[in-house]
């Protein structure tokens, strides 16, 4: 994604992660289910590193949006990625 991201202030990284999560939600809700998982994966990486519970909360709601817009496969994929990533943090 961005090579300079580790140099960003933590607050700025959190904002970027939240923005990417919201982008994924918007994509899911507007019939762009194929594009939403990519934005969500980037958001999850940032949220994991920056410990952003708001972004992670948004990502937990995303599979429902994906399923509702015909993206059941993408929703399953995202649930798996969320589970693996968050389990690894424990």
C-alpha atoms as a PDB file:
ATOM      1  CA  UNK A   1       0.000   0.000   0.000  1.00  0.00           C
ATOM      2  CA  UNK A   2       1.922   3.041   1.205  1.00  0.00           C
ATOM      3  CA  UNK A   3       5.585   2.451   1.873  1.00  0.00           C
ATOM      4  CA  UNK A   4       5.814   5.534   4.092  1.00  0.00           C
ATOM      5  CA  UNK A   5       2.853   4.475   6.250  1.00  0.00           C
ATOM      6  CA  UNK A   6       5.014   3.305   9.185  1.00  0.00           C
ATOM      7  CA  UNK A   7       6.408   6.842   9.370  1.00  0.00           C
ATOM      8  CA  UNK A   8       2.944   8.371   9.786  1.00  0.00           C
ATOM      9  CA  UNK A   9       1.702   9.469  13.188  1.00  0.00           C
ATOM     10  CA  UNK A  10      -0.543   6.862  14.833  1.00  0.00           C
ATOM     11  CA  UNK A  11      -3.561   9.194  14.669  1.00  0.00           C
ATOM     12  CA  UNK A  12      -3.124   9.621  10.934  1.00  0.00           C
ATOM     13  CA  UNK A  13      -2.831   5.863  10.415  1.00  0.00           C
ATOM     14  CA  UNK A  14      -6.011   5.328  12.430  1.00  0.00           C
ATOM     15  CA  UNK A  15      -7.807   7.901  10.273  1.00  0.00           C
ATOM     16  CA  UNK A  16      -6.631   6.198   7.090  1.00  0.00           C
ATOM     17  CA  UNK A  17      -7.744   2.797   8.390  1.00  0.00           C
ATOM     18  CA  UNK A  18     -11.165   4.150   9.320  1.00  0.00           C
ATOM     19  CA  UNK A  19     -11.487   5.818   5.921  1.00  0.00           C
ATOM     20  CA  UNK A  20     -10.646   2.562   4.159  1.00  0.00           C
ATOM     21  CA  UNK A  21     -13.177   0.687   6.284  1.00  0.00           C
ATOM     22  CA  UNK A  22     -15.836   3.245   5.367  1.00  0.00           C
ATOM     23  CA  UNK A  23     -14.829   2.942   1.709  1.00  0.00           C
ATOM     24  CA  UNK A  24     -15.327  -0.821   1.939  1.00  0.00           C
ATOM     25  CA  UNK A  25     -18.774  -0.307   3.476  1.00  0.00           C
ATOM     26  CA  UNK A  26     -19.726   2.147   0.737  1.00  0.00           C
ATOM     27  CA  UNK A  27     -18.530  -0.284  -1.919  1.00  0.00           C
ATOM     28  CA  UNK A  28     -20.500  -3.126  -0.343  1.00  0.00           C
ATOM     29  CA  UNK A  29     -23.670  -1.048  -0.123  1.00  0.00           C
ATOM     30  CA  UNK A  30     -23.454   0.228  -3.702  1.00  0.00           C
ATOM     31  CA  UNK A  31     -23.066  -3.095  -5.453  1.00  0.00           C
ATOM     32  CA  UNK A  32     -19.273  -3.110  -5.654  1.00  0.00           C
ATOM     33  CA  UNK A  33     -18.863  -6.213  -3.501  1.00  0.00           C
ATOM     34  CA  UNK A  34     -15.847  -7.381  -5.509  1.00  0.00           C
ATOM     35  CA  UNK A  35     -13.888  -4.259  -4.558  1.00  0.00           C
ATOM     36  CA  UNK A  36     -14.834  -4.028  -0.887  1.00  0.00           C
ATOM     37  CA  UNK A  37     -12.568  -6.824   0.437  1.00  0.00           C
ATOM     38  CA  UNK A  38      -9.410  -5.128  -0.833  1.00  0.00           C
ATOM     39  CA  UNK A  39     -10.146  -1.887   1.008  1.00  0.00           C
ATOM     40  CA  UNK A  40     -11.208  -3.916   4.046  1.00  0.00           C
ATOM     41  CA  UNK A  41      -7.932  -5.892   4.086  1.00  0.00           C
ATOM     42  CA  UNK A  42      -5.888  -2.696   4.038  1.00  0.00           C
ATOM     43  CA  UNK A  43      -8.072  -1.207   6.771  1.00  0.00           C
ATOM     44  CA  UNK A  44      -7.654  -4.326   8.896  1.00  0.00           C
ATOM     45  CA  UNK A  45      -3.868  -4.246   8.623  1.00  0.00           C
ATOM     46  CA  UNK A  46      -3.810  -0.625   9.723  1.00  0.00           C
ATOM     47  CA  UNK A  47      -6.396  -1.162  12.470  1.00  0.00           C
ATOM     48  CA  UNK A  48      -4.411  -4.103  13.830  1.00  0.00           C
ATOM     49  CA  UNK A  49      -1.186  -2.126  13.974  1.00  0.00           C
ATOM     50  CA  UNK A  50      -2.802   1.039  15.313  1.00  0.00           C
ATOM     51  CA  UNK A  51      -5.146  -0.793  17.721  1.00  0.00           C
ATOM     52  CA  UNK A  52      -8.235   0.914  16.337  1.00  0.00           C
ATOM     53  CA  UNK A  53     -11.328  -0.654  17.855  1.00  0.00           C
ATOM     54  CA  UNK A  54     -13.637   1.683  15.897  1.00  0.00           C
ATOM     55  CA  UNK A  55     -12.245   0.496  12.574  1.00  0.00           C
ATOM     56  CA  UNK A  56     -12.357  -3.143  13.622  1.00  0.00           C
ATOM     57  CA  UNK A  57     -15.955  -2.665  14.742  1.00  0.00           C
ATOM     58  CA  UNK A  58     -16.822  -1.248  11.341  1.00  0.00           C
ATOM     59  CA  UNK A  59     -15.133  -4.187   9.637  1.00  0.00           C
ATOM     60  CA  UNK A  60     -17.107  -6.665  11.757  1.00  0.00           C
ATOM     61  CA  UNK A  61     -20.341  -5.192  10.357  1.00  0.00           C
ATOM     62  CA  UNK A  62     -19.110  -5.284   6.758  1.00  0.00           C
ATOM     63  CA  UNK A  63     -19.854  -8.986   6.033  1.00  0.00           C
ATOM     64  CA  UNK A  64     -23.554  -8.336   6.644  1.00  0.00           C
ATOM     65  CA  UNK A  65     -23.477  -5.471   4.138  1.00  0.00           C
ATOM     66  CA  UNK A  66     -21.672  -7.660   1.630  1.00  0.00           C
ATOM     67  CA  UNK A  67     -24.171 -10.485   2.036  1.00  0.00           C
ATOM     68  CA  UNK A  68     -27.065  -8.065   1.632  1.00  0.00           C
ATOM     69  CA  UNK A  69     -25.704  -6.780  -1.661  1.00  0.00           C
ATOM     70  CA  UNK A  70     -25.060 -10.186  -3.208  1.00  0.00           C
ATOM     71  CA  UNK A  71     -21.473 -10.585  -2.041  1.00  0.00           C
ATOM     72  CA  UNK A  72     -21.840 -13.757   0.021  1.00  0.00           C
ATOM     73  CA  UNK A  73     -18.489 -15.126  -1.163  1.00  0.00           C
ATOM     74  CA  UNK A  74     -16.732 -11.883  -0.278  1.00  0.00           C
ATOM     75  CA  UNK A  75     -18.460 -11.857   3.122  1.00  0.00           C
ATOM     76  CA  UNK A  76     -17.165 -15.363   3.897  1.00  0.00           C
ATOM     77  CA  UNK A  77     -13.675 -14.376   2.789  1.00  0.00           C
ATOM     78  CA  UNK A  78     -13.725 -11.267   4.960  1.00  0.00           C
ATOM     79  CA  UNK A  79     -15.008 -13.161   8.023  1.00  0.00           C
ATOM     80  CA  UNK A  80     -12.115 -15.610   7.640  1.00  0.00           C
ATOM     81  CA  UNK A  81      -9.563 -12.811   7.318  1.00  0.00           C
ATOM     82  CA  UNK A  82     -10.995 -10.970  10.333  1.00  0.00           C
ATOM     83  CA  UNK A  83     -10.990 -14.112  12.441  1.00  0.00           C
ATOM     84  CA  UNK A  84      -7.412 -15.057  11.539  1.00  0.00           C
ATOM     85  CA  UNK A  85      -6.024 -11.573  11.998  1.00  0.00           C
ATOM     86  CA  UNK A  86      -7.712 -10.866  15.296  1.00  0.00           C
ATOM     87  CA  UNK A  87      -6.945 -14.336  16.673  1.00  0.00           C
ATOM     88  CA  UNK A  88      -3.259 -13.826  15.832  1.00  0.00           C
ATOM     89  CA  UNK A  89      -3.213 -10.628  17.896  1.00  0.00           C
ATOM     90  CA  UNK A  90      -4.212 -12.373  21.101  1.00  0.00           C
END
